[in-house]
PDB file of all heavy atoms in Angstrom:
ATOM      1  N   GLY A   1       8.320 -60.480  21.602  1.00  0.00           N
ATOM      2  CA  GLY A   1       9.227 -61.273  20.790  1.00  0.00           C
ATOM      3  C   GLY A   1      10.653 -61.331  21.280  1.00  0.00           C
ATOM      4  O   GLY A   1      11.521 -61.939  20.628  1.00  0.00           O
ATOM      5  N   VAL A   2      10.932 -60.728  22.429  1.00  0.00           N
ATOM      6  CA  VAL A   2      12.284 -60.698  22.980  1.00  0.00           C
ATOM      7  C   VAL A   2      12.357 -61.619  24.192  1.00  0.00           C
ATOM      8  O   VAL A   2      11.478 -61.579  25.065  1.00  0.00           O
ATOM      9  CB  VAL A   2      12.697 -59.265  23.386  1.00  0.00           C
ATOM     10  CG1 VAL A   2      14.102 -59.261  23.986  1.00  0.00           C
ATOM     11  CG2 VAL A   2      12.618 -58.330  22.189  1.00  0.00           C
ATOM     12  N   ASP A   3      13.395 -62.449  24.238  1.00  0.00           N
ATOM     13  CA  ASP A   3      13.610 -63.331  25.383  1.00  0.00           C
ATOM     14  C   ASP A   3      14.313 -62.563  26.496  1.00  0.00           C
ATOM     15  O   ASP A   3      15.300 -61.862  26.250  1.00  0.00           O
ATOM     16  CB  ASP A   3      14.453 -64.533  24.970  1.00  0.00           C
ATOM     17  CG  ASP A   3      13.747 -65.393  23.933  1.00  0.00           C
ATOM     18  OD1 ASP A   3      12.725 -66.007  24.284  1.00  0.00           O
ATOM     19  OD2 ASP A   3      14.209 -65.427  22.771  1.00  0.00           O
ATOM     20  N   LEU A   4      13.792 -62.692  27.720  1.00  0.00           N
ATOM     21  CA  LEU A   4      14.301 -61.938  28.869  1.00  0.00           C
ATOM     22  C   LEU A   4      14.800 -62.890  29.952  1.00  0.00           C
ATOM     23  O   LEU A   4      14.095 -63.825  30.339  1.00  0.00           O
ATOM     24  CB  LEU A   4      13.195 -61.046  29.448  1.00  0.00           C
ATOM     25  CG  LEU A   4      12.456 -60.133  28.455  1.00  0.00           C
ATOM     26  CD1 LEU A   4      11.312 -59.429  29.154  1.00  0.00           C
ATOM     27  CD2 LEU A   4      13.408 -59.132  27.828  1.00  0.00           C
ATOM     28  N   GLU A   5      16.020 -62.640  30.424  1.00  0.00           N
ATOM     29  CA  GLU A   5      16.588 -63.419  31.528  1.00  0.00           C
ATOM     30  C   GLU A   5      16.882 -62.461  32.681  1.00  0.00           C
ATOM     31  O   GLU A   5      17.857 -61.707  32.644  1.00  0.00           O
ATOM     32  CB  GLU A   5      17.864 -64.136  31.080  1.00  0.00           C
ATOM     33  CG  GLU A   5      17.629 -65.173  29.990  1.00  0.00           C
ATOM     34  CD  GLU A   5      18.904 -65.895  29.589  1.00  0.00           C
ATOM     35  OE1 GLU A   5      19.759 -66.128  30.479  1.00  0.00           O
ATOM     36  OE2 GLU A   5      19.067 -66.195  28.395  1.00  0.00           O
ATOM     37  N   TRP A   6      16.016 -62.505  33.700  1.00  0.00           N
ATOM     38  CA  TRP A   6      16.132 -61.601  34.840  1.00  0.00           C
ATOM     39  C   TRP A   6      17.012 -62.228  35.921  1.00  0.00           C
ATOM     40  O   TRP A   6      16.883 -63.409  36.233  1.00  0.00           O
ATOM     41  CB  TRP A   6      14.761 -61.298  35.430  1.00  0.00           C
ATOM     42  CG  TRP A   6      13.805 -60.661  34.470  1.00  0.00           C
ATOM     43  CD1 TRP A   6      12.902 -61.296  33.656  1.00  0.00           C
ATOM     44  CD2 TRP A   6      13.647 -59.263  34.226  1.00  0.00           C
ATOM     45  NE1 TRP A   6      12.194 -60.384  32.929  1.00  0.00           N
ATOM     46  CE2 TRP A   6      12.619 -59.123  33.249  1.00  0.00           C
ATOM     47  CE3 TRP A   6      14.256 -58.114  34.728  1.00  0.00           C
ATOM     48  CZ2 TRP A   6      12.198 -57.888  32.788  1.00  0.00           C
ATOM     49  CZ3 TRP A   6      13.841 -56.883  34.263  1.00  0.00           C
ATOM     50  CH2 TRP A   6      12.829 -56.765  33.309  1.00  0.00           C
ATOM     51  N   ASN A   7      17.878 -61.417  36.503  1.00  0.00           N
ATOM     52  CA  ASN A   7      18.659 -61.838  37.670  1.00  0.00           C
ATOM     53  C   ASN A   7      18.286 -60.904  38.813  1.00  0.00           C
ATOM     54  O   ASN A   7      18.765 -59.768  38.895  1.00  0.00           O
ATOM     55  CB  ASN A   7      20.159 -61.758  37.380  1.00  0.00           C
ATOM     56  CG  ASN A   7      20.996 -62.363  38.498  1.00  0.00           C
ATOM     57  OD1 ASN A   7      20.743 -62.131  39.678  1.00  0.00           O
ATOM     58  ND2 ASN A   7      22.010 -63.139  38.133  1.00  0.00           N
ATOM     59  N   GLY A   8      17.390 -61.405  39.674  1.00  0.00           N
ATOM     60  CA  GLY A   8      16.885 -60.567  40.744  1.00  0.00           C
ATOM     61  C   GLY A   8      17.932 -60.189  41.770  1.00  0.00           C
ATOM     62  O   GLY A   8      17.868 -59.099  42.363  1.00  0.00           O
ATOM     63  N   ASN A   9      18.901 -61.049  42.002  1.00  0.00           N
ATOM     64  CA  ASN A   9      19.935 -60.764  43.000  1.00  0.00           C
ATOM     65  C   ASN A   9      20.892 -59.676  42.536  1.00  0.00           C
ATOM     66  O   ASN A   9      21.233 -58.754  43.290  1.00  0.00           O
ATOM     67  CB  ASN A   9      20.712 -62.042  43.323  1.00  0.00           C
ATOM     68  CG  ASN A   9      19.847 -63.091  44.006  1.00  0.00           C
ATOM     69  OD1 ASN A   9      18.949 -62.753  44.773  1.00  0.00           O
ATOM     70  ND2 ASN A   9      20.107 -64.362  43.720  1.00  0.00           N
ATOM     71  N   ASN A  10      21.328 -59.782  41.293  1.00  0.00           N
ATOM     72  CA  ASN A  10      22.270 -58.790  40.752  1.00  0.00           C
ATOM     73  C   ASN A  10      21.579 -57.609  40.093  1.00  0.00           C
ATOM     74  O   ASN A  10      22.251 -56.655  39.681  1.00  0.00           O
ATOM     75  CB  ASN A  10      23.213 -59.464  39.751  1.00  0.00           C
ATOM     76  CG  ASN A  10      24.082 -60.536  40.381  1.00  0.00           C
ATOM     77  OD1 ASN A  10      24.425 -60.435  41.553  1.00  0.00           O
ATOM     78  ND2 ASN A  10      24.430 -61.560  39.612  1.00  0.00           N
ATOM     79  N   ARG A  11      20.253 -57.702  40.000  1.00  0.00           N
ATOM     80  CA  ARG A  11      19.461 -56.651  39.350  1.00  0.00           C
ATOM     81  C   ARG A  11      19.970 -56.400  37.937  1.00  0.00           C
ATOM     82  O   ARG A  11      20.273 -55.280  37.525  1.00  0.00           O
ATOM     83  CB  ARG A  11      19.484 -55.346  40.157  1.00  0.00           C
ATOM     84  CG  ARG A  11      19.123 -55.489  41.622  1.00  0.00           C
ATOM     85  CD  ARG A  11      17.808 -56.200  41.836  1.00  0.00           C
ATOM     86  NE  ARG A  11      16.653 -55.437  41.320  1.00  0.00           N
ATOM     87  CZ  ARG A  11      15.424 -55.934  41.231  1.00  0.00           C
ATOM     88  NH1 ARG A  11      15.183 -57.197  41.552  1.00  0.00           N
ATOM     89  NH2 ARG A  11      14.446 -55.196  40.773  1.00  0.00           N
ATOM     90  N   THR A  12      20.052 -57.472  37.164  1.00  0.00           N
ATOM     91  CA  THR A  12      20.486 -57.368  35.771  1.00  0.00           C
ATOM     92  C   THR A  12      19.467 -58.066  34.870  1.00  0.00           C
ATOM     93  O   THR A  12      18.674 -58.903  35.315  1.00  0.00           O
ATOM     94  CB  THR A  12      21.870 -58.002  35.554  1.00  0.00           C
ATOM     95  OG1 THR A  12      21.810 -59.393  35.921  1.00  0.00           O
ATOM     96  CG2 THR A  12      22.929 -57.291  36.385  1.00  0.00           C
ATOM     97  N   LEU A  13      19.520 -57.719  33.600  1.00  0.00           N
ATOM     98  CA  LEU A  13      18.621 -58.315  32.610  1.00  0.00           C
ATOM     99  C   LEU A  13      19.410 -58.601  31.346  1.00  0.00           C
ATOM    100  O   LEU A  13      20.112 -57.722  30.827  1.00  0.00           O
ATOM    101  CB  LEU A  13      17.453 -57.372  32.292  1.00  0.00           C
ATOM    102  CG  LEU A  13      16.584 -57.753  31.088  1.00  0.00           C
ATOM    103  CD1 LEU A  13      15.854 -59.069  31.339  1.00  0.00           C
ATOM    104  CD2 LEU A  13      15.587 -56.632  30.768  1.00  0.00           C
ATOM    105  N   LYS A  14      19.290 -59.816  30.850  1.00  0.00           N
ATOM    106  CA  LYS A  14      19.910 -60.199  29.585  1.00  0.00           C
ATOM    107  C   LYS A  14      18.811 -60.394  28.556  1.00  0.00           C
ATOM    108  O   LYS A  14      17.875 -61.169  28.760  1.00  0.00           O
ATOM    109  CB  LYS A  14      20.711 -61.491  29.756  1.00  0.00           C
ATOM    110  CG  LYS A  14      21.381 -61.966  28.472  1.00  0.00           C
ATOM    111  CD  LYS A  14      22.149 -63.259  28.711  1.00  0.00           C
ATOM    112  CE  LYS A  14      22.784 -63.756  27.414  1.00  0.00           C
ATOM    113  NZ  LYS A  14      23.515 -65.035  27.637  1.00  0.00           N
ATOM    114  N   THR A  15      18.922 -59.685  27.448  1.00  0.00           N
ATOM    115  CA  THR A  15      17.918 -59.796  26.394  1.00  0.00           C
ATOM    116  C   THR A  15      18.518 -60.506  25.189  1.00  0.00           C
ATOM    117  O   THR A  15      19.701 -60.350  24.881  1.00  0.00           O
ATOM    118  CB  THR A  15      17.406 -58.408  25.969  1.00  0.00           C
ATOM    119  OG1 THR A  15      18.493 -57.647  25.426  1.00  0.00           O
ATOM    120  CG2 THR A  15      16.814 -57.667  27.145  1.00  0.00           C
ATOM    121  N   SER A  16      17.691 -61.262  24.495  1.00  0.00           N
ATOM    122  CA  SER A  16      18.135 -61.977  23.306  1.00  0.00           C
ATOM    123  C   SER A  16      16.914 -62.360  22.479  1.00  0.00           C
ATOM    124  O   SER A  16      15.771 -62.168  22.904  1.00  0.00           O
ATOM    125  CB  SER A  16      18.933 -63.231  23.686  1.00  0.00           C
ATOM    126  OG  SER A  16      18.111 -64.132  24.423  1.00  0.00           O
ATOM    127  N   MET A  17      17.170 -62.885  21.297  1.00  0.00           N
ATOM    128  CA  MET A  17      16.102 -63.424  20.454  1.00  0.00           C
ATOM    129  C   MET A  17      16.540 -64.826  20.042  1.00  0.00           C
ATOM    130  O   MET A  17      17.138 -65.027  18.983  1.00  0.00           O
ATOM    131  CB  MET A  17      15.856 -62.522  19.247  1.00  0.00           C
ATOM    132  CG  MET A  17      15.386 -61.130  19.626  1.00  0.00           C
ATOM    133  SD  MET A  17      14.988 -60.071  18.222  1.00  0.00           S
ATOM    134  CE  MET A  17      13.475 -60.830  17.644  1.00  0.00           C
ATOM    135  N   LYS A  18      16.258 -65.770  20.914  1.00  0.00           N
ATOM    136  CA  LYS A  18      16.714 -67.145  20.716  1.00  0.00           C
ATOM    137  C   LYS A  18      16.101 -67.751  19.456  1.00  0.00           C
ATOM    138  O   LYS A  18      14.922 -67.542  19.161  1.00  0.00           O
ATOM    139  CB  LYS A  18      16.354 -67.994  21.931  1.00  0.00           C
ATOM    140  CG  LYS A  18      17.004 -67.522  23.226  1.00  0.00           C
ATOM    141  CD  LYS A  18      16.549 -68.346  24.404  1.00  0.00           C
ATOM    142  CE  LYS A  18      17.198 -67.853  25.699  1.00  0.00           C
ATOM    143  NZ  LYS A  18      16.717 -68.610  26.883  1.00  0.00           N
ATOM    144  N   ASN A  19      16.914 -68.505  18.756  1.00  0.00           N
ATOM    145  CA  ASN A  19      16.485 -69.215  17.553  1.00  0.00           C
ATOM    146  C   ASN A  19      15.974 -68.284  16.464  1.00  0.00           C
ATOM    147  O   ASN A  19      15.246 -68.699  15.567  1.00  0.00           O
ATOM    148  CB  ASN A  19      15.383 -70.247  17.884  1.00  0.00           C
ATOM    149  CG  ASN A  19      15.828 -71.250  18.931  1.00  0.00           C
ATOM    150  OD1 ASN A  19      16.958 -71.713  18.911  1.00  0.00           O
ATOM    151  ND2 ASN A  19      14.938 -71.553  19.866  1.00  0.00           N
ATOM    152  N   CYS A  20      16.352 -67.013  16.554  1.00  0.00           N
ATOM    153  CA  CYS A  20      15.886 -66.052  15.556  1.00  0.00           C
ATOM    154  C   CYS A  20      16.398 -66.419  14.158  1.00  0.00           C
ATOM    155  O   CYS A  20      15.655 -66.344  13.180  1.00  0.00           O
ATOM    156  CB  CYS A  20      16.366 -64.649  15.937  1.00  0.00           C
ATOM    157  SG  CYS A  20      15.877 -63.365  14.764  1.00  0.00           S
ATOM    158  N   ILE A  21      17.662 -66.836  14.061  1.00  0.00           N
ATOM    159  CA  ILE A  21      18.234 -67.191  12.768  1.00  0.00           C
ATOM    160  C   ILE A  21      17.549 -68.414  12.181  1.00  0.00           C
ATOM    161  O   ILE A  21      17.229 -68.469  10.997  1.00  0.00           O
ATOM    162  CB  ILE A  21      19.749 -67.446  12.888  1.00  0.00           C
ATOM    163  CG1 ILE A  21      20.460 -66.199  13.429  1.00  0.00           C
ATOM    164  CG2 ILE A  21      20.336 -67.845  11.539  1.00  0.00           C
ATOM    165  CD1 ILE A  21      20.304 -64.977  12.552  1.00  0.00           C
ATOM    166  N   GLU A  22      17.273 -69.426  13.050  1.00  0.00           N
ATOM    167  CA  GLU A  22      16.637 -70.638  12.570  1.00  0.00           C
ATOM    168  C   GLU A  22      15.228 -70.372  12.054  1.00  0.00           C
ATOM    169  O   GLU A  22      14.761 -71.015  11.121  1.00  0.00           O
ATOM    170  CB  GLU A  22      16.577 -71.683  13.695  1.00  0.00           C
ATOM    171  CG  GLU A  22      17.928 -72.303  14.046  1.00  0.00           C
ATOM    172  CD  GLU A  22      18.742 -71.421  14.988  1.00  0.00           C
ATOM    173  OE1 GLU A  22      18.329 -70.275  15.214  1.00  0.00           O
ATOM    174  OE2 GLU A  22      19.783 -71.888  15.478  1.00  0.00           O
ATOM    175  N   ARG A  23      14.535 -69.392  12.680  1.00  0.00           N
ATOM    176  CA  ARG A  23      13.164 -69.106  12.279  1.00  0.00           C
ATOM    177  C   ARG A  23      13.085 -68.207  11.059  1.00  0.00           C
ATOM    178  O   ARG A  23      12.032 -68.117  10.426  1.00  0.00           O
ATOM    179  CB  ARG A  23      12.407 -68.433  13.440  1.00  0.00           C
ATOM    180  CG  ARG A  23      12.206 -69.325  14.653  1.00  0.00           C
ATOM    181  CD  ARG A  23      11.096 -68.754  15.535  1.00  0.00           C
ATOM    182  NE  ARG A  23      11.378 -67.391  15.923  1.00  0.00           N
ATOM    183  CZ  ARG A  23      11.966 -67.051  17.066  1.00  0.00           C
ATOM    184  NH1 ARG A  23      12.364 -67.986  17.903  1.00  0.00           N
ATOM    185  NH2 ARG A  23      12.158 -65.787  17.363  1.00  0.00           N
ATOM    186  N   ALA A  24      14.166 -67.536  10.734  1.00  0.00           N
ATOM    187  CA  ALA A  24      14.152 -66.573   9.632  1.00  0.00           C
ATOM    188  C   ALA A  24      13.966 -67.316   8.304  1.00  0.00           C
ATOM    189  O   ALA A  24      14.554 -68.375   8.086  1.00  0.00           O
ATOM    190  CB  ALA A  24      15.449 -65.778   9.603  1.00  0.00           C
ATOM    191  N   PRO A  25      13.137 -66.765   7.379  1.00  0.00           N
ATOM    192  CA  PRO A  25      12.944 -67.422   6.078  1.00  0.00           C
ATOM    193  C   PRO A  25      14.222 -67.375   5.259  1.00  0.00           C
ATOM    194  O   PRO A  25      14.953 -66.402   5.265  1.00  0.00           O
ATOM    195  CB  PRO A  25      11.832 -66.574   5.439  1.00  0.00           C
ATOM    196  CG  PRO A  25      11.927 -65.242   6.116  1.00  0.00           C
ATOM    197  CD  PRO A  25      12.368 -65.527   7.521  1.00  0.00           C
ATOM    198  N   MET A  26      14.496 -68.468   4.577  1.00  0.00           N
ATOM    199  CA  MET A  26      15.698 -68.560   3.758  1.00  0.00           C
ATOM    200  C   MET A  26      15.384 -68.154   2.311  1.00  0.00           C
ATOM    201  O   MET A  26      14.310 -68.353   1.828  1.00  0.00           O
ATOM    202  CB  MET A  26      16.245 -69.987   3.794  1.00  0.00           C
ATOM    203  CG  MET A  26      16.559 -70.485   5.208  1.00  0.00           C
ATOM    204  SD  MET A  26      17.813 -69.456   6.042  1.00  0.00           S
ATOM    205  CE  MET A  26      19.251 -69.935   5.079  1.00  0.00           C
TER     206      MET A  26
END
């Protein structure tokens, strides 16, 4: 359930949960 953005050159990883707020029940 976690979105992963890998940067192989810099050896970094950005994690997020895209559209999590929009999907959350109101």
